[in-house]
Amino acid sequence: MLNLFRGKDHAAKRYPEALAILLTLGKPADDTDYQPWADRLKAHVPDLIRMVLDDDLNKRGEKDPTVWASLHALEILGLLGPEAAAEPLLECFAWDDEWIKEALPHVYAGIGPVAIPILKAYLEDRSHDEHDRARLGDSLVAIAQAFPAVRDEIIAYLTAFLDRPGADDSPAEERLTTFVIGNLGDLEAR
């Protein structure tokens, strides 16, 4: 059967025209400045969240420039700091994508203290993989570093988390405890 749409990518039709350019940027440079994009796209937070979570984009090959659109959208959300992004972006902790995982602490620091309860709930939820939960601790550290007023609260929470019920129930929980100790070290907790 003849494919009449061969060669055409319809991903751009799923997003407002203002976001379509993110589909063409490709792999970001180390010095990419997202602030101008954040200034232009602040009215498109729901679409940026949708772009980050777009399975079609995220399953594309590394050489396809559209695969990087999710990372661009995530970086922009980190600058905008919308509270609405805190819960949906939790999904990203389970992804096997180092670029996204490295960006998440910056994004949650941008969202700020309003994300703390959502991150705590995820960390405490044993249905999630311990490695995903451990990576989440880096986001709590980033929030504490960006907002010194909540540093003591986060240190107290992570310290209490060490003594949580079931902390010694499995090797997975013991590994998670080790990561949390590392987070406390990053915060120079005493």
C-alpha atoms as a PDB file:
ATOM      1  CA  MET A   1       0.000   0.000   0.000  1.00  0.00           C
ATOM      2  CA  LEU A   2       1.283   3.430  -0.923  1.00  0.00           C
ATOM      3  CA  ASN A   3       1.989   5.667   2.075  1.00  0.00           C
ATOM      4  CA  LEU A   4       0.851   9.127   1.004  1.00  0.00           C
ATOM      5  CA  PHE A   5       2.408  10.722   4.101  1.00  0.00           C
ATOM      6  CA  ARG A   6       5.892   9.233   3.775  1.00  0.00           C
ATOM      7  CA  GLY A   7       8.555  11.803   4.537  1.00  0.00           C
ATOM      8  CA  LYS A   8       6.221  14.143   6.385  1.00  0.00           C
ATOM      9  CA  ASP A   9       6.369  14.485  10.154  1.00  0.00           C
ATOM     10  CA  HIS A  10       3.025  15.350  11.665  1.00  0.00           C
ATOM     11  CA  ALA A  11       4.391  16.062  15.140  1.00  0.00           C
ATOM     12  CA  ALA A  12       4.346  19.788  14.406  1.00  0.00           C
ATOM     13  CA  LYS A  13       0.584  19.653  13.871  1.00  0.00           C
ATOM     14  CA  ARG A  14       0.097  18.502  17.479  1.00  0.00           C
ATOM     15  CA  TYR A  15       1.583  21.688  18.914  1.00  0.00           C
ATOM     16  CA  PRO A  16       0.969  25.412  18.610  1.00  0.00           C
ATOM     17  CA  GLU A  17       3.084  27.100  15.968  1.00  0.00           C
ATOM     18  CA  ALA A  18       5.157  28.814  18.664  1.00  0.00           C
ATOM     19  CA  LEU A  19       6.440  25.417  19.858  1.00  0.00           C
ATOM     20  CA  ALA A  20       7.018  23.891  16.411  1.00  0.00           C
ATOM     21  CA  ILE A  21      10.540  25.329  16.262  1.00  0.00           C
ATOM     22  CA  LEU A  22      11.528  23.152  19.246  1.00  0.00           C
ATOM     23  CA  LEU A  23      10.993  20.141  17.005  1.00  0.00           C
ATOM     24  CA  THR A  24      13.745  21.315  14.671  1.00  0.00           C
ATOM     25  CA  LEU A  25      16.489  22.433  17.085  1.00  0.00           C
ATOM     26  CA  GLY A  26      18.134  19.033  17.477  1.00  0.00           C
ATOM     27  CA  LYS A  27      20.702  18.160  20.107  1.00  0.00           C
ATOM     28  CA  PRO A  28      21.348  21.093  22.449  1.00  0.00           C
ATOM     29  CA  ALA A  29      24.775  22.651  22.817  1.00  0.00           C
ATOM     30  CA  ASP A  30      26.286  22.910  26.295  1.00  0.00           C
ATOM     31  CA  ASP A  31      25.794  26.675  26.225  1.00  0.00           C
ATOM     32  CA  THR A  32      22.215  26.717  24.932  1.00  0.00           C
ATOM     33  CA  ASP A  33      20.405  29.719  26.408  1.00  0.00           C
ATOM     34  CA  TYR A  34      16.769  28.820  27.035  1.00  0.00           C
ATOM     35  CA  GLN A  35      15.783  32.135  28.629  1.00  0.00           C
ATOM     36  CA  PRO A  36      14.660  33.749  25.350  1.00  0.00           C
ATOM     37  CA  TRP A  37      12.541  30.663  24.655  1.00  0.00           C
ATOM     38  CA  ALA A  38      11.052  30.770  28.154  1.00  0.00           C
ATOM     39  CA  ASP A  39      10.140  34.432  27.670  1.00  0.00           C
ATOM     40  CA  ARG A  40       8.362  33.628  24.400  1.00  0.00           C
ATOM     41  CA  LEU A  41       6.665  30.400  25.492  1.00  0.00           C
ATOM     42  CA  LYS A  42       5.436  31.207  29.011  1.00  0.00           C
ATOM     43  CA  ALA A  43       1.818  31.100  27.814  1.00  0.00           C
ATOM     44  CA  HIS A  44       2.301  27.519  26.540  1.00  0.00           C
ATOM     45  CA  VAL A  45       3.022  25.617  29.777  1.00  0.00           C
ATOM     46  CA  PRO A  46       0.432  22.848  29.166  1.00  0.00           C
ATOM     47  CA  ASP A  47       1.812  22.277  25.666  1.00  0.00           C
ATOM     48  CA  LEU A  48       5.403  22.235  26.952  1.00  0.00           C
ATOM     49  CA  ILE A  49       4.437  19.590  29.527  1.00  0.00           C
ATOM     50  CA  ARG A  50       2.693  17.593  26.809  1.00  0.00           C
ATOM     51  CA  MET A  51       5.789  17.854  24.615  1.00  0.00           C
ATOM     52  CA  VAL A  52       8.038  16.540  27.396  1.00  0.00           C
ATOM     53  CA  LEU A  53       5.754  13.539  27.875  1.00  0.00           C
ATOM     54  CA  ASP A  54       5.092  12.879  24.159  1.00  0.00           C
ATOM     55  CA  ASP A  55       5.833   9.166  23.620  1.00  0.00           C
ATOM     56  CA  ASP A  56       6.064   9.606  19.870  1.00  0.00           C
ATOM     57  CA  LEU A  57       8.857  12.156  20.207  1.00  0.00           C
ATOM     58  CA  ASN A  58      10.654  10.318  22.990  1.00  0.00           C
ATOM     59  CA  LYS A  59      10.856   7.023  21.078  1.00  0.00           C
ATOM     60  CA  ARG A  60      12.613   8.492  18.070  1.00  0.00           C
ATOM     61  CA  GLY A  61      16.267   7.925  17.300  1.00  0.00           C
ATOM     62  CA  GLU A  62      19.005  10.235  18.549  1.00  0.00           C
ATOM     63  CA  LYS A  63      19.718  11.504  15.030  1.00  0.00           C
ATOM     64  CA  ASP A  64      16.126  12.667  14.573  1.00  0.00           C
ATOM     65  CA  PRO A  65      16.046  16.335  15.690  1.00  0.00           C
ATOM     66  CA  THR A  66      12.518  15.951  17.031  1.00  0.00           C
ATOM     67  CA  VAL A  67      13.661  13.553  19.777  1.00  0.00           C
ATOM     68  CA  TRP A  68      15.382  16.506  21.460  1.00  0.00           C
ATOM     69  CA  ALA A  69      12.205  18.604  21.628  1.00  0.00           C
ATOM     70  CA  SER A  70      11.269  17.007  24.953  1.00  0.00           C
ATOM     71  CA  LEU A  71      14.558  18.069  26.498  1.00  0.00           C
ATOM     72  CA  HIS A  72      14.193  21.605  25.127  1.00  0.00           C
ATOM     73  CA  ALA A  73      10.666  21.789  26.556  1.00  0.00           C
ATOM     74  CA  LEU A  74      11.891  20.449  29.909  1.00  0.00           C
ATOM     75  CA  GLU A  75      14.674  23.047  30.106  1.00  0.00           C
ATOM     76  CA  ILE A  76      12.179  25.804  29.340  1.00  0.00           C
ATOM     77  CA  LEU A  77       9.838  24.519  32.047  1.00  0.00           C
ATOM     78  CA  GLY A  78      12.770  24.642  34.466  1.00  0.00           C
ATOM     79  CA  LEU A  79      13.086  28.354  33.815  1.00  0.00           C
ATOM     80  CA  LEU A  80       9.356  29.019  33.955  1.00  0.00           C
ATOM     81  CA  GLY A  81       8.861  26.962  37.137  1.00  0.00           C
ATOM     82  CA  PRO A  82       5.156  26.208  36.753  1.00  0.00           C
ATOM     83  CA  GLU A  83       3.554  24.396  39.676  1.00  0.00           C
ATOM     84  CA  ALA A  84       1.335  22.572  37.165  1.00  0.00           C
ATOM     85  CA  ALA A  85       4.398  20.676  35.872  1.00  0.00           C
ATOM     86  CA  ALA A  86       5.433  19.166  39.222  1.00  0.00           C
ATOM     87  CA  GLU A  87       3.169  16.124  39.214  1.00  0.00           C
ATOM     88  CA  PRO A  88       3.111  15.204  35.502  1.00  0.00           C
ATOM     89  CA  LEU A  89       6.906  15.350  35.245  1.00  0.00           C
ATOM     90  CA  LEU A  90       7.285  12.665  37.925  1.00  0.00           C
ATOM     91  CA  GLU A  91       6.847  10.223  35.042  1.00  0.00           C
ATOM     92  CA  CYS A  92      10.283  11.264  33.767  1.00  0.00           C
ATOM     93  CA  PHE A  93      12.081   9.718  36.767  1.00  0.00           C
ATOM     94  CA  ALA A  94      11.345   6.257  35.350  1.00  0.00           C
ATOM     95  CA  TRP A  95      12.764   7.007  31.899  1.00  0.00           C
ATOM     96  CA  ASP A  96      15.992   5.531  30.643  1.00  0.00           C
ATOM     97  CA  ASP A  97      17.268   8.875  29.373  1.00  0.00           C
ATOM     98  CA  GLU A  98      20.316  10.426  31.010  1.00  0.00           C
ATOM     99  CA  TRP A  99      19.719  13.856  29.453  1.00  0.00           C
ATOM    100  CA  ILE A 100      16.261  14.081  30.992  1.00  0.00           C
ATOM    101  CA  LYS A 101      17.404  12.687  34.353  1.00  0.00           C
ATOM    102  CA  GLU A 102      20.176  15.286  34.534  1.00  0.00           C
ATOM    103  CA  ALA A 103      17.708  18.085  33.773  1.00  0.00           C
ATOM    104  CA  LEU A 104      15.071  17.104  36.347  1.00  0.00           C
ATOM    105  CA  PRO A 105      16.782  18.555  39.456  1.00  0.00           C
ATOM    106  CA  HIS A 106      17.129  21.902  37.661  1.00  0.00           C
ATOM    107  CA  VAL A 107      13.465  21.756  36.633  1.00  0.00           C
ATOM    108  CA  TYR A 108      12.231  20.973  40.140  1.00  0.00           C
ATOM    109  CA  ALA A 109      14.469  23.705  41.584  1.00  0.00           C
ATOM    110  CA  GLY A 110      12.715  26.038  39.143  1.00  0.00           C
ATOM    111  CA  ILE A 111       9.316  24.843  40.320  1.00  0.00           C
ATOM    112  CA  GLY A 112      10.456  25.357  43.889  1.00  0.00           C
ATOM    113  CA  PRO A 113       9.095  24.436  47.311  1.00  0.00           C
ATOM    114  CA  VAL A 114       5.564  23.778  46.043  1.00  0.00           C
ATOM    115  CA  ALA A 115       6.965  20.560  44.529  1.00  0.00           C
ATOM    116  CA  ILE A 116       8.252  19.228  47.862  1.00  0.00           C
ATOM    117  CA  PRO A 117       5.048  17.370  48.916  1.00  0.00           C
ATOM    118  CA  ILE A 118       4.751  15.774  45.468  1.00  0.00           C
ATOM    119  CA  LEU A 119       8.390  14.648  45.536  1.00  0.00           C
ATOM    120  CA  LYS A 120       8.035  13.307  49.090  1.00  0.00           C
ATOM    121  CA  ALA A 121       5.005  11.240  48.115  1.00  0.00           C
ATOM    122  CA  TYR A 122       6.896   9.724  45.180  1.00  0.00           C
ATOM    123  CA  LEU A 123       9.955   8.974  47.325  1.00  0.00           C
ATOM    124  CA  GLU A 124       7.789   7.198  49.893  1.00  0.00           C
ATOM    125  CA  ASP A 125       5.873   5.156  47.293  1.00  0.00           C
ATOM    126  CA  ARG A 126       7.474   1.719  47.230  1.00  0.00           C
ATOM    127  CA  SER A 127       5.699   0.819  43.994  1.00  0.00           C
ATOM    128  CA  HIS A 128       8.314   2.902  42.149  1.00  0.00           C
ATOM    129  CA  ASP A 129      11.759   1.505  41.338  1.00  0.00           C
ATOM    130  CA  GLU A 130      14.337   2.400  43.990  1.00  0.00           C
ATOM    131  CA  HIS A 131      16.660   3.930  41.386  1.00  0.00           C
ATOM    132  CA  ASP A 132      13.889   6.249  40.187  1.00  0.00           C
ATOM    133  CA  ARG A 133      13.138   7.188  43.793  1.00  0.00           C
ATOM    134  CA  ALA A 134      16.845   7.739  44.453  1.00  0.00           C
ATOM    135  CA  ARG A 135      17.174  10.111  41.496  1.00  0.00           C
ATOM    136  CA  LEU A 136      14.285  12.084  42.910  1.00  0.00           C
ATOM    137  CA  GLY A 137      16.407  12.887  45.973  1.00  0.00           C
ATOM    138  CA  ASP A 138      18.635  15.003  43.721  1.00  0.00           C
ATOM    139  CA  SER A 139      15.609  17.183  42.978  1.00  0.00           C
ATOM    140  CA  LEU A 140      14.957  17.721  46.681  1.00  0.00           C
ATOM    141  CA  VAL A 141      18.619  18.706  47.083  1.00  0.00           C
ATOM    142  CA  ALA A 142      18.315  21.148  44.165  1.00  0.00           C
ATOM    143  CA  ILE A 143      15.250  22.771  45.728  1.00  0.00           C
ATOM    144  CA  ALA A 144      17.057  23.092  49.076  1.00  0.00           C
ATOM    145  CA  GLN A 145      20.034  24.700  47.352  1.00  0.00           C
ATOM    146  CA  ALA A 146      17.872  27.109  45.353  1.00  0.00           C
ATOM    147  CA  PHE A 147      15.646  28.008  48.300  1.00  0.00           C
ATOM    148  CA  PRO A 148      17.709  28.179  51.512  1.00  0.00           C
ATOM    149  CA  ALA A 149      14.539  28.824  53.540  1.00  0.00           C
ATOM    150  CA  VAL A 150      13.458  25.185  53.001  1.00  0.00           C
ATOM    151  CA  ARG A 151      16.902  23.602  53.384  1.00  0.00           C
ATOM    152  CA  ASP A 152      16.368  22.642  57.049  1.00  0.00           C
ATOM    153  CA  GLU A 153      12.924  21.234  56.241  1.00  0.00           C
ATOM    154  CA  ILE A 154      14.351  19.009  53.497  1.00  0.00           C
ATOM    155  CA  ILE A 155      17.272  17.908  55.680  1.00  0.00           C
ATOM    156  CA  ALA A 156      14.844  17.023  58.488  1.00  0.00           C
ATOM    157  CA  TYR A 157      12.660  15.092  56.068  1.00  0.00           C
ATOM    158  CA  LEU A 158      15.542  13.144  54.521  1.00  0.00           C
ATOM    159  CA  THR A 159      16.997  12.406  57.967  1.00  0.00           C
ATOM    160  CA  ALA A 160      13.631  11.081  59.158  1.00  0.00           C
ATOM    161  CA  PHE A 161      13.322   9.088  55.931  1.00  0.00           C
ATOM    162  CA  LEU A 162      16.414   7.110  56.924  1.00  0.00           C
ATOM    163  CA  ASP A 163      14.438   5.641  59.846  1.00  0.00           C
ATOM    164  CA  ARG A 164      11.275   4.957  57.844  1.00  0.00           C
ATOM    165  CA  PRO A 165       9.392   1.722  58.512  1.00  0.00           C
ATOM    166  CA  GLY A 166      10.719  -0.916  56.136  1.00  0.00           C
ATOM    167  CA  ALA A 167      14.077   0.774  55.542  1.00  0.00           C
ATOM    168  CA  ASP A 168      15.777  -2.579  56.165  1.00  0.00           C
ATOM    169  CA  ASP A 169      13.133  -4.780  54.502  1.00  0.00           C
ATOM    170  CA  SER A 170      14.980  -5.375  51.258  1.00  0.00           C
ATOM    171  CA  PRO A 171      18.247  -4.711  49.469  1.00  0.00           C
ATOM    172  CA  ALA A 172      16.375  -2.191  47.297  1.00  0.00           C
ATOM    173  CA  GLU A 173      15.292  -0.159  50.321  1.00  0.00           C
ATOM    174  CA  GLU A 174      18.811  -0.347  51.750  1.00  0.00           C
ATOM    175  CA  ARG A 175      20.218   0.988  48.447  1.00  0.00           C
ATOM    176  CA  LEU A 176      17.686   3.805  48.542  1.00  0.00           C
ATOM    177  CA  THR A 177      18.841   4.652  52.062  1.00  0.00           C
ATOM    178  CA  THR A 178      22.402   4.901  50.764  1.00  0.00           C
ATOM    179  CA  PHE A 179      21.335   7.379  48.084  1.00  0.00           C
ATOM    180  CA  VAL A 180      19.469   9.471  50.668  1.00  0.00           C
ATOM    181  CA  ILE A 181      22.598   9.550  52.832  1.00  0.00           C
ATOM    182  CA  GLY A 182      24.414  10.867  49.746  1.00  0.00           C
ATOM    183  CA  ASN A 183      21.727  13.555  49.353  1.00  0.00           C
ATOM    184  CA  LEU A 184      22.263  14.599  52.962  1.00  0.00           C
ATOM    185  CA  GLY A 185      25.992  14.777  52.248  1.00  0.00           C
ATOM    186  CA  ASP A 186      25.304  17.012  49.233  1.00  0.00           C
ATOM    187  CA  LEU A 187      23.418  19.338  51.583  1.00  0.00           C
ATOM    188  CA  GLU A 188      26.279  19.209  54.104  1.00  0.00           C
ATOM    189  CA  ALA A 189      23.795  18.103  56.742  1.00  0.00           C
ATOM    190  CA  ARG A 190      25.120  17.622  60.255  1.00  0.00           C
END
